[in-house]
Amino acid sequence: MRIFLLSLFLFSVIKVNSQSLSEEVMDFGLNPGNLSLFYYVPETVKPNAPMVVVLHGCGQGATAAAELTGWNKLADEYGFYVMYPQQHFPNNPQHCFNWFKNNEIERGKGECESIKQMVDYMLKKFKIDSKNVFVTGMSAGGAMATVMIATQPGMFKAAAIFAGGPYKPGSNIFASSGSMIWGVNKTLEEWGDLVWRQNPAFKGKYPRVLIFHGTKDPVVNFRSAHEIVEQWTFLHNADTIPAVIDSAYLGAKDVTRYAYHTKEREEAVVFYKVKDIGHALPIGMGECDNQGGKPGVFATEKSFYSTYYTACEFGLIPDWNVEGPNKIAPGEKVKFSIPTVGQKKAYINAWLFPEDCKVVGDNTGTTIELIWGKTPGTVTLEEIAPNGCRYYHSKVQVKLKSN
């Protein structure tokens, strides 16, 4: 197999202006992987704030990754730190993180150790909440995000992997690179063992894993997403069959969200399947808070701003939980509600539910009463702002009671 497989994750360099990043930092530690550190600190960030580690794709750097994803804008709005590791040309001519080289992706070694040292540096330099550190990346950066939660599972609370792959899909550079083109199949135990060997003494809770992948990705085989699901559901001792499937998620017709639960009914792995998109970030253009992104080669309009919803999944954007029963008998009268604290008076509430349910009273308050119909489904609160922007709140997934 030819060496050009190294450039599978090649992104064009994007020269842009974004919120100002720090100066390059090289003295954050021993830095065995010879990487650079950049970071972004919002002016109004509060003590003990969370941090997101953003890993760029091939051909990119910190500034390009900041512009493509929009993380700095969200950091300004919601008050958290953003850290951007950056690759050096001598390490990889395509400017990719070396997710496929064993000496760079094993605990305590190479590039993954440099990124770990960057996190340690940031935790010491700023008042960052060490229990709320997250990592995300696209393409080669997505693959490296998987490396980070595999080698340092106690450091990260959650990861979002965009068009990436499982940890150690192959035993060497050629096998790993090839697996991203044609896919690779391992048993659950084999996938789990690759991570376990990095942390044989680890007894903590593994990071929650979010996976985003397009069905028409020509660079990374769509099958890779399923292999990530298998690797991390095994490590979480979670079911490999999704407990909840939300099609047309939050109104985005091409986005389906699959949630995989533990025995305690906690979401351990979430897979966002994006129909008819290639090797790109799904975006949702507009001026609302939950919209953003610019269409281009590596960003596709899908009415779904994936960076914003990743921040929601990380818990960085405040939300209310819709409260109500999740098992209902047909014809039963039930109530759903959200807290009244934090309600914006100028906003209009609208409840969404299956068509065969009947409303008892009003449909625009913080509480709704329904006579349930004959079909399962979801109950969601939609907020409509004066400018027409729409915001959705956590759903209750309702199943029918068996006789």
Foldseek 3Di string as FASTA:
>chain_A
DDPCLLCLFFDAEDDDDDPDKDPWDDVLDPQQQRKIKIKDFAPPADFQAAEEEEEEIFNYFDRRSCQFQVPNVLCNVQHHMYMYIFADCVNPVRRFQCLFAPQCQFAPGHVLVNVVSVVVSVVVVGRYNQLQYEYEYAESSLSVSLSNLLQCQVRHQEYERHLYAHRPCDPGNVNVSVCQQVNHDDALVVLQVVSCVRPVPDDDAGHAYEYEYECAANRGHPVRRLVNLSNFCSVRVWDSAFPDWDACPPVQNQWIKGFIAHPVRDGRYIYIYGYPDYRADEFDDDDDPQHDGDDDPHYDHRNGSPSSVVCVVSVSDDAWAWDWDQEEAQQDKTKIFTDPPPDDPQKWKAKDDDPQKDWDDDGTDRMTIIRHHDAWAKIWIWIAHPVGDIDIGHIRGHDYDDD
